[in-house]
Amino acid sequence: MRNALSISYPFDELPLFGVGMMAYGVAELADDGCGEFCVASICLDDGTVFTRHGTGGLGSNFTRELFDRMAQYIENSDHAQEFFKDKMDESSVEPDGDYQYQAWKDRQMDDQWVEAAE
């Protein structure tokens, strides 16, 4: 297993709804433990913060949908994947002993959110 790592990934002109609405900010990319990453949180330039669990200044369902759209775009971006790989190669971070537990808790929170939304 690789080292757990979390890095800030600046982005601009991230399309939210086609080409009409763009987002600018910084995404926190977290190592999934296998050398890949997932988006843990997103902070827009205006200070609005979105997390995987749907927190934010707007309605919960809406913020969750915005986070999911932005995270999916970033996670599928070749630029973000190369950026994360380069940072992984440069990193000398010690393994996070609590990483597996936190990943398990995150999955539980995601499942609870889905159940509550239904």
Protein backbone atom coordinates (compact mmCIF):
# COMPACT_ATOMS: atom_id res chain seq x y z
CA MET A 1 0.00 0.00 0.00
CA ARG A 2 1.23 3.49 -0.84
CA ASN A 3 1.47 6.38 1.57
CA ALA A 4 -1.73 8.26 2.37
CA LEU A 5 -1.46 11.76 0.95
CA SER A 6 -3.67 14.79 0.64
CA ILE A 7 -2.79 17.69 -1.66
CA SER A 8 -4.39 20.91 -2.87
CA TYR A 9 -5.22 21.03 -6.57
CA PRO A 10 -6.04 24.48 -7.96
CA PHE A 11 -8.54 24.53 -10.82
CA ASP A 12 -10.17 27.12 -13.03
CA GLU A 13 -12.89 27.06 -15.64
CA LEU A 14 -14.33 23.80 -14.33
CA PRO A 15 -17.66 23.35 -16.19
CA LEU A 16 -20.64 22.74 -13.92
CA PHE A 17 -23.59 22.89 -16.31
CA GLY A 18 -22.38 22.66 -19.89
CA VAL A 19 -20.37 25.69 -20.93
CA GLY A 20 -22.54 28.31 -19.23
CA MET A 21 -21.35 28.06 -15.61
CA MET A 22 -17.72 27.67 -14.58
CA ALA A 23 -16.16 27.15 -11.16
CA TYR A 24 -12.80 28.39 -9.87
CA GLY A 25 -11.08 27.21 -6.70
CA VAL A 26 -9.04 24.50 -5.01
CA ALA A 27 -9.86 20.81 -4.58
CA GLU A 28 -8.36 18.65 -1.85
CA LEU A 29 -7.20 15.40 -3.48
CA ALA A 30 -6.86 12.46 -1.09
CA ASP A 31 -4.90 9.29 -1.75
CA ASP A 32 -7.14 6.23 -1.84
CA GLY A 33 -4.29 4.02 -0.63
CA CYS A 34 -3.67 2.44 -4.05
CA GLY A 35 -1.96 5.32 -5.81
CA GLU A 36 -5.21 6.85 -7.13
CA PHE A 37 -7.08 9.80 -5.65
CA CYS A 38 -10.54 11.00 -4.79
CA VAL A 39 -11.73 14.54 -4.17
CA ALA A 40 -12.21 15.06 -0.43
CA SER A 41 -13.38 18.69 -0.50
CA ILE A 42 -13.68 21.67 -2.80
CA CYS A 43 -13.25 25.33 -1.89
CA LEU A 44 -14.39 27.86 -4.46
CA ASP A 45 -12.60 31.19 -4.83
CA ASP A 46 -15.49 33.00 -3.12
CA GLY A 47 -14.93 30.89 0.04
CA THR A 48 -17.80 28.42 -0.43
CA VAL A 49 -16.72 24.94 0.71
CA PHE A 50 -18.21 21.67 -0.50
CA THR A 51 -17.47 18.30 1.05
CA ARG A 52 -18.25 14.74 0.09
CA HIS A 53 -20.93 14.70 2.83
CA GLY A 54 -22.97 17.56 1.40
CA THR A 55 -22.08 20.41 3.74
CA GLY A 56 -22.10 23.93 2.41
CA GLY A 57 -23.98 27.20 2.48
CA LEU A 58 -26.72 26.08 0.11
CA GLY A 59 -29.36 23.33 0.42
CA SER A 60 -27.94 19.88 1.14
CA ASN A 61 -29.18 18.14 -2.03
CA PHE A 62 -28.00 20.98 -4.22
CA THR A 63 -24.53 21.16 -2.63
CA ARG A 64 -24.20 17.40 -2.88
CA GLU A 65 -25.05 17.52 -6.60
CA LEU A 66 -22.58 20.36 -7.21
CA PHE A 67 -19.84 18.52 -5.30
CA ASP A 68 -20.51 15.29 -7.20
CA ARG A 69 -20.34 17.07 -10.58
CA MET A 70 -17.13 18.91 -9.74
CA ALA A 71 -15.50 15.86 -8.14
CA GLN A 72 -16.35 13.64 -11.10
CA TYR A 73 -14.89 16.14 -13.54
CA ILE A 74 -11.67 16.51 -11.51
CA GLU A 75 -11.26 12.78 -10.88
CA ASN A 76 -11.58 12.07 -14.62
CA SER A 77 -9.26 14.92 -15.62
CA ASP A 78 -5.95 13.86 -17.15
CA HIS A 79 -4.35 17.02 -15.76
CA ALA A 80 -5.49 16.27 -12.19
CA GLN A 81 -4.31 12.65 -12.48
CA GLU A 82 -0.86 13.74 -13.69
CA PHE A 83 -0.70 16.45 -11.01
CA PHE A 84 -1.51 13.92 -8.28
CA LYS A 85 0.94 11.34 -9.65
CA ASP A 86 3.73 13.94 -9.71
CA LYS A 87 2.99 14.94 -6.11
CA MET A 88 2.92 11.27 -5.07
CA ASP A 89 6.34 10.74 -6.64
CA GLU A 90 7.72 13.81 -4.83
CA SER A 91 6.18 12.87 -1.49
CA SER A 92 8.02 11.36 1.40
CA VAL A 93 5.04 11.33 3.77
CA GLU A 94 4.91 8.55 6.34
CA PRO A 95 1.90 6.22 6.07
CA ASP A 96 -1.20 7.39 7.92
CA GLY A 97 -2.05 4.62 10.38
CA ASP A 98 -5.60 5.91 10.73
CA TYR A 99 -6.28 6.06 6.98
CA GLN A 100 -8.14 2.76 6.62
CA TYR A 101 -10.38 3.56 9.59
CA GLN A 102 -11.17 7.02 8.23
CA ALA A 103 -11.92 5.62 4.75
CA TRP A 104 -14.31 3.12 6.36
CA LYS A 105 -16.04 5.92 8.32
CA ASP A 106 -16.34 8.01 5.13
CA ARG A 107 -18.04 5.11 3.34
CA GLN A 108 -20.46 4.75 6.26
CA MET A 109 -21.28 8.47 6.12
CA ASP A 110 -21.89 8.21 2.36
CA ASP A 111 -24.24 5.26 2.89
CA GLN A 112 -26.12 7.11 5.65
CA TRP A 113 -26.51 10.15 3.43
CA VAL A 114 -27.98 8.05 0.61
CA GLU A 115 -30.41 6.35 3.01
CA ALA A 116 -31.50 9.70 4.45
CA ALA A 117 -32.02 11.15 0.98
CA GLU A 118 -34.35 8.31 0.00
